[in-house]
Every structure is written in structure tokens, then in C-alpha cells.
């Protein structure tokens, strides 16, 4: 099958025009929280910088991890470390 035919089928299918959806992006506040937390390796310092609570940063990070389906931080006692995925994202 030709490339043109494959492209036509992927766009129009067998029964007509398909609905296309715009790509979804992570929430901007979650990205801001991640960047600050990754830079400081601290949710508390990130919260101070962003003028929000530590709990708000934690919720934003959790939402971003859920959105990306990956853990970005290792939380050990009172230490925060980036995972390999978190380092690649940062």
C-alpha cells in the first residue's frame, strides 16, 4: 500500500472524516511547581518561592506525576531526590 493511501486512511478512515483532538499539555502550575521543586530539591522551598503552601506544591507534583504516568521524585524521610525520569524531565 502506498504512503499516500496510508495517510489518506489515517486521516479519513473507511467511513469518512475522523475527529482529531489537540494534544494535551500538563497544567502550567504543575510544571512551575515541578521546576521549582527540582531546582531546590524541596517542596517547602518551592512553595515559598511560588507563594503557595507546601501541600499545594505536593498536590501539583502528584497531579503532574499522574498526568505523565511516572514518578518524578523519590521521597525518603525528609529528603527529596529526582528519579531518572525526573532528571530527564528537568
PDB file of N, CA and C in Angstrom:
ATOM      1  N   UNK A   1       0.856  -1.167   0.000  1.00  0.00           N
ATOM      2  CA  UNK A   1       0.000   0.000   0.000  1.00  0.00           C
ATOM      3  C   UNK A   1       0.905   1.234   0.000  1.00  0.00           C
ATOM      4  N   UNK A   2       0.541   2.244  -0.753  1.00  0.00           N
ATOM      5  CA  UNK A   2       1.368   3.434  -0.873  1.00  0.00           C
ATOM      6  C   UNK A   2       1.265   4.297   0.382  1.00  0.00           C
ATOM      7  N   UNK A   3       2.275   5.134   0.565  1.00  0.00           N
ATOM      8  CA  UNK A   3       2.288   6.062   1.691  1.00  0.00           C
ATOM      9  C   UNK A   3       1.101   7.016   1.607  1.00  0.00           C
ATOM     10  N   UNK A   4       0.776   7.473   0.404  1.00  0.00           N
ATOM     11  CA  UNK A   4      -0.373   8.360   0.231  1.00  0.00           C
ATOM     12  C   UNK A   4      -1.671   7.687   0.663  1.00  0.00           C
ATOM     13  N   UNK A   5      -1.828   6.419   0.322  1.00  0.00           N
ATOM     14  CA  UNK A   5      -3.038   5.682   0.695  1.00  0.00           C
ATOM     15  C   UNK A   5      -3.117   5.512   2.217  1.00  0.00           C
ATOM     16  N   UNK A   6      -1.965   5.191   2.849  1.00  0.00           N
ATOM     17  CA  UNK A   6      -1.941   5.054   4.297  1.00  0.00           C
ATOM     18  C   UNK A   6      -2.284   6.368   4.985  1.00  0.00           C
ATOM     19  N   UNK A   7      -1.735   7.475   4.472  1.00  0.00           N
ATOM     20  CA  UNK A   7      -2.030   8.778   5.048  1.00  0.00           C
ATOM     21  C   UNK A   7      -3.504   9.110   4.884  1.00  0.00           C
ATOM     22  N   UNK A   8      -4.071   8.793   3.734  1.00  0.00           N
ATOM     23  CA  UNK A   8      -5.487   9.047   3.490  1.00  0.00           C
ATOM     24  C   UNK A   8      -6.340   8.243   4.472  1.00  0.00           C
ATOM     25  N   UNK A   9      -6.022   6.966   4.648  1.00  0.00           N
ATOM     26  CA  UNK A   9      -6.789   6.126   5.567  1.00  0.00           C
ATOM     27  C   UNK A   9      -6.651   6.599   7.004  1.00  0.00           C
ATOM     28  N   UNK A  10      -5.449   7.058   7.375  1.00  0.00           N
ATOM     29  CA  UNK A  10      -5.264   7.504   8.753  1.00  0.00           C
ATOM     30  C   UNK A  10      -6.026   8.796   9.013  1.00  0.00           C
ATOM     31  N   UNK A  11      -6.239   9.599   7.962  1.00  0.00           N
ATOM     32  CA  UNK A  11      -6.975  10.850   8.125  1.00  0.00           C
ATOM     33  C   UNK A  11      -8.477  10.674   7.964  1.00  0.00           C
ATOM     34  N   UNK A  12      -8.885   9.797   7.043  1.00  0.00           N
ATOM     35  CA  UNK A  12     -10.295   9.703   6.709  1.00  0.00           C
ATOM     36  C   UNK A  12     -10.932   8.363   7.060  1.00  0.00           C
ATOM     37  N   UNK A  13     -10.123   7.350   7.317  1.00  0.00           N
ATOM     38  CA  UNK A  13     -10.678   6.050   7.631  1.00  0.00           C
ATOM     39  C   UNK A  13     -11.488   5.508   6.469  1.00  0.00           C
ATOM     40  N   UNK A  14     -12.307   4.521   6.748  1.00  0.00           N
ATOM     41  CA  UNK A  14     -13.109   3.905   5.687  1.00  0.00           C
ATOM     42  C   UNK A  14     -14.477   4.560   5.566  1.00  0.00           C
ATOM     43  N   UNK A  15     -14.903   5.269   6.615  1.00  0.00           N
ATOM     44  CA  UNK A  15     -16.279   5.763   6.610  1.00  0.00           C
ATOM     45  C   UNK A  15     -16.382   7.278   6.542  1.00  0.00           C
ATOM     46  N   UNK A  16     -15.277   7.971   6.538  1.00  0.00           N
ATOM     47  CA  UNK A  16     -15.360   9.427   6.467  1.00  0.00           C
ATOM     48  C   UNK A  16     -14.317  10.086   7.345  1.00  0.00           C
ATOM     49  N   UNK A  17     -14.486  11.361   7.532  1.00  0.00           N
ATOM     50  CA  UNK A  17     -13.516  12.155   8.267  1.00  0.00           C
ATOM     51  C   UNK A  17     -13.508  11.780   9.747  1.00  0.00           C
ATOM     52  N   UNK A  18     -12.312  11.566  10.291  1.00  0.00           N
ATOM     53  CA  UNK A  18     -12.169  11.275  11.710  1.00  0.00           C
ATOM     54  C   UNK A  18     -12.071  12.580  12.498  1.00  0.00           C
ATOM     55  N   UNK A  19     -12.410  12.518  13.765  1.00  0.00           N
ATOM     56  CA  UNK A  19     -12.253  13.664  14.641  1.00  0.00           C
ATOM     57  C   UNK A  19     -10.838  13.664  15.198  1.00  0.00           C
ATOM     58  N   UNK A  20     -10.167  14.809  15.086  1.00  0.00           N
ATOM     59  CA  UNK A  20      -8.820  14.939  15.636  1.00  0.00           C
ATOM     60  C   UNK A  20      -8.883  15.789  16.887  1.00  0.00           C
ATOM     61  N   UNK A  21      -8.083  15.438  17.852  1.00  0.00           N
ATOM     62  CA  UNK A  21      -8.029  16.173  19.104  1.00  0.00           C
ATOM     63  C   UNK A  21      -6.667  16.835  19.233  1.00  0.00           C
ATOM     64  N   UNK A  22      -6.663  18.033  19.768  1.00  0.00           N
ATOM     65  CA  UNK A  22      -5.402  18.731  20.005  1.00  0.00           C
ATOM     66  C   UNK A  22      -4.630  17.986  21.087  1.00  0.00           C
ATOM     67  N   UNK A  23      -3.319  17.990  21.010  1.00  0.00           N
ATOM     68  CA  UNK A  23      -2.548  17.327  22.059  1.00  0.00           C
ATOM     69  C   UNK A  23      -2.786  18.016  23.397  1.00  0.00           C
ATOM     70  N   UNK A  24      -2.793  17.231  24.444  1.00  0.00           N
ATOM     71  CA  UNK A  24      -2.985  17.808  25.772  1.00  0.00           C
ATOM     72  C   UNK A  24      -1.635  18.070  26.411  1.00  0.00           C
ATOM     73  N   UNK A  25      -1.579  19.114  27.175  1.00  0.00           N
ATOM     74  CA  UNK A  25      -0.357  19.503  27.851  1.00  0.00           C
ATOM     75  C   UNK A  25      -0.585  19.486  29.347  1.00  0.00           C
ATOM     76  N   UNK A  26       0.488  19.270  30.125  1.00  0.00           N
ATOM     77  CA  UNK A  26       0.321  19.288  31.578  1.00  0.00           C
ATOM     78  C   UNK A  26      -0.057  20.687  32.056  1.00  0.00           C
ATOM     79  N   UNK A  27      -0.720  20.772  33.191  1.00  0.00           N
ATOM     80  CA  UNK A  27      -1.098  22.085  33.730  1.00  0.00           C
ATOM     81  C   UNK A  27       0.143  22.939  34.009  1.00  0.00           C
ATOM     82  N   UNK A  28       0.060  24.214  33.660  1.00  0.00           N
ATOM     83  CA  UNK A  28       1.195  25.115  33.816  1.00  0.00           C
ATOM     84  C   UNK A  28       1.633  25.236  35.271  1.00  0.00           C
ATOM     85  N   UNK A  29       0.680  25.302  36.208  1.00  0.00           N
ATOM     86  CA  UNK A  29       1.056  25.413  37.623  1.00  0.00           C
ATOM     87  C   UNK A  29       1.812  24.179  38.097  1.00  0.00           C
ATOM     88  N   UNK A  30       1.464  23.026  37.577  1.00  0.00           N
ATOM     89  CA  UNK A  30       2.178  21.803  37.947  1.00  0.00           C
ATOM     90  C   UNK A  30       3.603  21.843  37.409  1.00  0.00           C
ATOM     91  N   UNK A  31       3.783  22.363  36.194  1.00  0.00           N
ATOM     92  CA  UNK A  31       5.131  22.486  35.637  1.00  0.00           C
ATOM     93  C   UNK A  31       5.973  23.482  36.424  1.00  0.00           C
ATOM     94  N   UNK A  32       5.351  24.595  36.840  1.00  0.00           N
ATOM     95  CA  UNK A  32       6.061  25.581  37.655  1.00  0.00           C
ATOM     96  C   UNK A  32       6.484  24.963  38.985  1.00  0.00           C
ATOM     97  N   UNK A  33       5.583  24.212  39.597  1.00  0.00           N
ATOM     98  CA  UNK A  33       5.890  23.575  40.883  1.00  0.00           C
ATOM     99  C   UNK A  33       7.005  22.550  40.713  1.00  0.00           C
ATOM    100  N   UNK A  34       6.948  21.778  39.633  1.00  0.00           N
ATOM    101  CA  UNK A  34       7.988  20.786  39.387  1.00  0.00           C
ATOM    102  C   UNK A  34       9.343  21.453  39.196  1.00  0.00           C
ATOM    103  N   UNK A  35       9.402  22.499  38.390  1.00  0.00           N
ATOM    104  CA  UNK A  35      10.673  23.165  38.115  1.00  0.00           C
ATOM    105  C   UNK A  35      11.280  23.723  39.397  1.00  0.00           C
ATOM    106  N   UNK A  36      10.478  24.378  40.219  1.00  0.00           N
ATOM    107  CA  UNK A  36      10.985  24.947  41.470  1.00  0.00           C
ATOM    108  C   UNK A  36      11.409  23.850  42.443  1.00  0.00           C
ATOM    109  N   UNK A  37      10.595  22.814  42.562  1.00  0.00           N
ATOM    110  CA  UNK A  37      10.925  21.722  43.481  1.00  0.00           C
ATOM    111  C   UNK A  37      12.173  20.976  43.025  1.00  0.00           C
ATOM    112  N   UNK A  38      12.324  20.779  41.731  1.00  0.00           N
ATOM    113  CA  UNK A  38      13.501  20.086  41.205  1.00  0.00           C
ATOM    114  C   UNK A  38      14.758  20.925  41.421  1.00  0.00           C
ATOM    115  N   UNK A  39      14.648  22.219  41.240  1.00  0.00           N
ATOM    116  CA  UNK A  39      15.797  23.107  41.420  1.00  0.00           C
ATOM    117  C   UNK A  39      16.237  23.156  42.881  1.00  0.00           C
ATOM    118  N   UNK A  40      15.264  23.231  43.796  1.00  0.00           N
ATOM    119  CA  UNK A  40      15.568  23.331  45.228  1.00  0.00           C
ATOM    120  C   UNK A  40      15.681  21.973  45.913  1.00  0.00           C
ATOM    121  N   UNK A  41      15.173  20.931  45.247  1.00  0.00           N
ATOM    122  CA  UNK A  41      15.025  19.604  45.878  1.00  0.00           C
ATOM    123  C   UNK A  41      14.303  19.725  47.219  1.00  0.00           C
ATOM    124  N   UNK A  42      13.257  20.554  47.190  1.00  0.00           N
ATOM    125  CA  UNK A  42      12.467  20.799  48.396  1.00  0.00           C
ATOM    126  C   UNK A  42      11.099  21.329  48.000  1.00  0.00           C
ATOM    127  N   UNK A  43      10.044  20.687  48.473  1.00  0.00           N
ATOM    128  CA  UNK A  43       8.695  21.198  48.238  1.00  0.00           C
ATOM    129  C   UNK A  43       8.465  22.474  49.042  1.00  0.00           C
ATOM    130  N   UNK A  44       9.043  22.547  50.234  1.00  0.00           N
ATOM    131  CA  UNK A  44       8.875  23.713  51.099  1.00  0.00           C
ATOM    132  C   UNK A  44       9.505  24.953  50.472  1.00  0.00           C
ATOM    133  N   UNK A  45      10.737  24.830  49.972  1.00  0.00           N
ATOM    134  CA  UNK A  45      11.392  25.977  49.333  1.00  0.00           C
ATOM    135  C   UNK A  45      10.689  26.367  48.041  1.00  0.00           C
ATOM    136  N   UNK A  46      10.206  25.373  47.315  1.00  0.00           N
ATOM    137  CA  UNK A  46       9.440  25.658  46.100  1.00  0.00           C
ATOM    138  C   UNK A  46       8.168  26.419  46.458  1.00  0.00           C
ATOM    139  N   UNK A  47       7.500  25.997  47.525  1.00  0.00           N
ATOM    140  CA  UNK A  47       6.271  26.665  47.964  1.00  0.00           C
ATOM    141  C   UNK A  47       6.546  28.113  48.355  1.00  0.00           C
ATOM    142  N   UNK A  48       7.631  28.341  49.071  1.00  0.00           N
ATOM    143  CA  UNK A  48       7.989  29.705  49.460  1.00  0.00           C
ATOM    144  C   UNK A  48       8.218  30.570  48.221  1.00  0.00           C
ATOM    145  N   UNK A  49       8.916  30.031  47.247  1.00  0.00           N
ATOM    146  CA  UNK A  49       9.199  30.771  46.011  1.00  0.00           C
ATOM    147  C   UNK A  49       7.930  31.095  45.239  1.00  0.00           C
ATOM    148  N   UNK A  50       6.993  30.146  45.219  1.00  0.00           N
ATOM    149  CA  UNK A  50       5.763  30.300  44.438  1.00  0.00           C
ATOM    150  C   UNK A  50       4.622  30.948  45.223  1.00  0.00           C
ATOM    151  N   UNK A  51       4.874  31.265  46.503  1.00  0.00           N
ATOM    152  CA  UNK A  51       3.867  31.888  47.368  1.00  0.00           C
ATOM    153  C   UNK A  51       2.623  31.018  47.514  1.00  0.00           C
ATOM    154  N   UNK A  52       2.847  29.722  47.699  1.00  0.00           N
ATOM    155  CA  UNK A  52       1.767  28.771  47.965  1.00  0.00           C
ATOM    156  C   UNK A  52       2.197  27.898  49.137  1.00  0.00           C
ATOM    157  N   UNK A  53       1.332  27.007  49.559  1.00  0.00           N
ATOM    158  CA  UNK A  53       1.682  26.107  50.663  1.00  0.00           C
ATOM    159  C   UNK A  53       2.478  24.910  50.142  1.00  0.00           C
ATOM    160  N   UNK A  54       3.151  24.244  51.064  1.00  0.00           N
ATOM    161  CA  UNK A  54       3.884  23.024  50.721  1.00  0.00           C
ATOM    162  C   UNK A  54       2.907  21.966  50.227  1.00  0.00           C
ATOM    163  N   UNK A  55       1.730  21.916  50.825  1.00  0.00           N
ATOM    164  CA  UNK A  55       0.715  20.942  50.401  1.00  0.00           C
ATOM    165  C   UNK A  55       0.272  21.206  48.962  1.00  0.00           C
ATOM    166  N   UNK A  56       0.175  22.484  48.581  1.00  0.00           N
ATOM    167  CA  UNK A  56      -0.214  22.821  47.205  1.00  0.00           C
ATOM    168  C   UNK A  56       0.839  22.325  46.218  1.00  0.00           C
ATOM    169  N   UNK A  57       2.110  22.511  46.543  1.00  0.00           N
ATOM    170  CA  UNK A  57       3.183  22.020  45.673  1.00  0.00           C
ATOM    171  C   UNK A  57       3.106  20.500  45.583  1.00  0.00           C
ATOM    172  N   UNK A  58       2.926  19.843  46.706  1.00  0.00           N
ATOM    173  CA  UNK A  58       2.831  18.389  46.726  1.00  0.00           C
ATOM    174  C   UNK A  58       1.683  17.900  45.845  1.00  0.00           C
ATOM    175  N   UNK A  59       0.536  18.566  45.914  1.00  0.00           N
ATOM    176  CA  UNK A  59      -0.618  18.185  45.082  1.00  0.00           C
ATOM    177  C   UNK A  59      -0.338  18.428  43.599  1.00  0.00           C
ATOM    178  N   UNK A  60       0.333  19.529  43.294  1.00  0.00           N
ATOM    179  CA  UNK A  60       0.672  19.815  41.898  1.00  0.00           C
ATOM    180  C   UNK A  60       1.631  18.768  41.344  1.00  0.00           C
ATOM    181  N   UNK A  61       2.612  18.370  42.144  1.00  0.00           N
ATOM    182  CA  UNK A  61       3.577  17.350  41.715  1.00  0.00           C
ATOM    183  C   UNK A  61       2.859  16.025  41.495  1.00  0.00           C
ATOM    184  N   UNK A  62       1.971  15.670  42.408  1.00  0.00           N
ATOM    185  CA  UNK A  62       1.202  14.424  42.280  1.00  0.00           C
ATOM    186  C   UNK A  62       0.356  14.459  41.008  1.00  0.00           C
ATOM    187  N   UNK A  63      -0.265  15.604  40.729  1.00  0.00           N
ATOM    188  CA  UNK A  63      -1.079  15.738  39.511  1.00  0.00           C
ATOM    189  C   UNK A  63      -0.211  15.587  38.265  1.00  0.00           C
ATOM    190  N   UNK A  64       0.991  16.159  38.288  1.00  0.00           N
ATOM    191  CA  UNK A  64       1.894  16.049  37.141  1.00  0.00           C
ATOM    192  C   UNK A  64       2.373  14.610  36.974  1.00  0.00           C
ATOM    193  N   UNK A  65       2.705  13.952  38.087  1.00  0.00           N
ATOM    194  CA  UNK A  65       3.123  12.548  38.016  1.00  0.00           C
ATOM    195  C   UNK A  65       1.995  11.675  37.462  1.00  0.00           C
ATOM    196  N   UNK A  66       0.770  11.944  37.868  1.00  0.00           N
ATOM    197  CA  UNK A  66      -0.374  11.196  37.339  1.00  0.00           C
ATOM    198  C   UNK A  66      -0.563  11.479  35.845  1.00  0.00           C
ATOM    199  N   UNK A  67      -0.439  12.739  35.453  1.00  0.00           N
ATOM    200  CA  UNK A  67      -0.596  13.122  34.054  1.00  0.00           C
ATOM    201  C   UNK A  67       0.444  12.436  33.180  1.00  0.00           C
ATOM    202  N   UNK A  68       1.696  12.392  33.662  1.00  0.00           N
ATOM    203  CA  UNK A  68       2.789  11.799  32.891  1.00  0.00           C
ATOM    204  C   UNK A  68       2.911  10.292  33.085  1.00  0.00           C
ATOM    205  N   UNK A  69       2.182   9.756  34.057  1.00  0.00           N
ATOM    206  CA  UNK A  69       2.247   8.330  34.411  1.00  0.00           C
ATOM    207  C   UNK A  69       3.670   7.904  34.761  1.00  0.00           C
ATOM    208  N   UNK A  70       4.330   8.744  35.562  1.00  0.00           N
ATOM    209  CA  UNK A  70       5.675   8.399  36.027  1.00  0.00           C
ATOM    210  C   UNK A  70       5.975   9.165  37.307  1.00  0.00           C
ATOM    211  N   UNK A  71       6.802   8.562  38.131  1.00  0.00           N
ATOM    212  CA  UNK A  71       7.260   9.225  39.348  1.00  0.00           C
ATOM    213  C   UNK A  71       8.410  10.158  38.998  1.00  0.00           C
ATOM    214  N   UNK A  72       8.349  11.387  39.487  1.00  0.00           N
ATOM    215  CA  UNK A  72       9.399  12.363  39.214  1.00  0.00           C
ATOM    216  C   UNK A  72      10.354  12.526  40.385  1.00  0.00           C
ATOM    217  N   UNK A  73       9.873  12.238  41.587  1.00  0.00           N
ATOM    218  CA  UNK A  73      10.680  12.401  42.793  1.00  0.00           C
ATOM    219  C   UNK A  73      10.677  11.128  43.630  1.00  0.00           C
ATOM    220  N   UNK A  74      11.773  10.907  44.316  1.00  0.00           N
ATOM    221  CA  UNK A  74      11.853   9.902  45.371  1.00  0.00           C
ATOM    222  C   UNK A  74      11.722  10.650  46.683  1.00  0.00           C
ATOM    223  N   UNK A  75      10.779  10.243  47.486  1.00  0.00           N
ATOM    224  CA  UNK A  75      10.575  10.879  48.780  1.00  0.00           C
ATOM    225  C   UNK A  75      11.085   9.926  49.844  1.00  0.00           C
ATOM    226  N   UNK A  76      12.172  10.294  50.495  1.00  0.00           N
ATOM    227  CA  UNK A  76      12.793   9.459  51.539  1.00  0.00           C
ATOM    228  C   UNK A  76      12.922  10.273  52.813  1.00  0.00           C
ATOM    229  N   UNK A  77      12.163   9.877  53.836  1.00  0.00           N
ATOM    230  CA  UNK A  77      12.164  10.614  55.106  1.00  0.00           C
ATOM    231  C   UNK A  77      11.989  12.098  54.823  1.00  0.00           C
ATOM    232  N   UNK A  78      12.987  12.900  55.106  1.00  0.00           N
ATOM    233  CA  UNK A  78      12.895  14.340  54.877  1.00  0.00           C
ATOM    234  C   UNK A  78      13.773  14.760  53.693  1.00  0.00           C
ATOM    235  N   UNK A  79      14.081  13.798  52.806  1.00  0.00           N
ATOM    236  CA  UNK A  79      14.933  14.061  51.645  1.00  0.00           C
ATOM    237  C   UNK A  79      14.127  13.899  50.368  1.00  0.00           C
ATOM    238  N   UNK A  80      14.390  14.765  49.421  1.00  0.00           N
ATOM    239  CA  UNK A  80      13.711  14.719  48.137  1.00  0.00           C
ATOM    240  C   UNK A  80      14.768  14.573  47.051  1.00  0.00           C
ATOM    241  N   UNK A  81      14.606  13.552  46.215  1.00  0.00           N
ATOM    242  CA  UNK A  81      15.539  13.303  45.112  1.00  0.00           C
ATOM    243  C   UNK A  81      14.758  13.148  43.824  1.00  0.00           C
ATOM    244  N   UNK A  82      15.377  13.535  42.724  1.00  0.00           N
ATOM    245  CA  UNK A  82      14.761  13.310  41.409  1.00  0.00           C
ATOM    246  C   UNK A  82      14.988  11.863  40.966  1.00  0.00           C
ATOM    247  N   UNK A  83      13.970  11.264  40.400  1.00  0.00           N
ATOM    248  CA  UNK A  83      14.145   9.948  39.775  1.00  0.00           C
ATOM    249  C   UNK A  83      14.870  10.168  38.450  1.00  0.00           C
ATOM    250  N   UNK A  84      15.225   9.087  37.774  1.00  0.00           N
ATOM    251  CA  UNK A  84      15.838   9.203  36.444  1.00  0.00           C
ATOM    252  C   UNK A  84      14.889   9.928  35.491  1.00  0.00           C
ATOM    253  N   UNK A  85      13.598   9.598  35.575  1.00  0.00           N
ATOM    254  CA  UNK A  85      12.601  10.264  34.727  1.00  0.00           C
ATOM    255  C   UNK A  85      12.505  11.746  35.081  1.00  0.00           C
ATOM    256  N   UNK A  86      12.576  12.038  36.383  1.00  0.00           N
ATOM    257  CA  UNK A  86      12.540  13.432  36.839  1.00  0.00           C
ATOM    258  C   UNK A  86      13.742  14.212  36.355  1.00  0.00           C
ATOM    259  N   UNK A  87      14.914  13.572  36.380  1.00  0.00           N
ATOM    260  CA  UNK A  87      16.126  14.240  35.886  1.00  0.00           C
ATOM    261  C   UNK A  87      16.010  14.507  34.393  1.00  0.00           C
ATOM    262  N   UNK A  88      15.464  13.553  33.662  1.00  0.00           N
ATOM    263  CA  UNK A  88      15.316  13.730  32.212  1.00  0.00           C
ATOM    264  C   UNK A  88      14.301  14.839  31.912  1.00  0.00           C
ATOM    265  N   UNK A  89      13.276  14.954  32.739  1.00  0.00           N
ATOM    266  CA  UNK A  89      12.251  15.973  32.548  1.00  0.00           C
ATOM    267  C   UNK A  89      12.771  17.362  32.910  1.00  0.00           C
ATOM    268  N   UNK A  90      13.608  17.418  33.962  1.00  0.00           N
ATOM    269  CA  UNK A  90      14.148  18.689  34.443  1.00  0.00           C
ATOM    270  C   UNK A  90      15.184  19.193  33.467  1.00  0.00           C
TER     271      UNK A  90
END
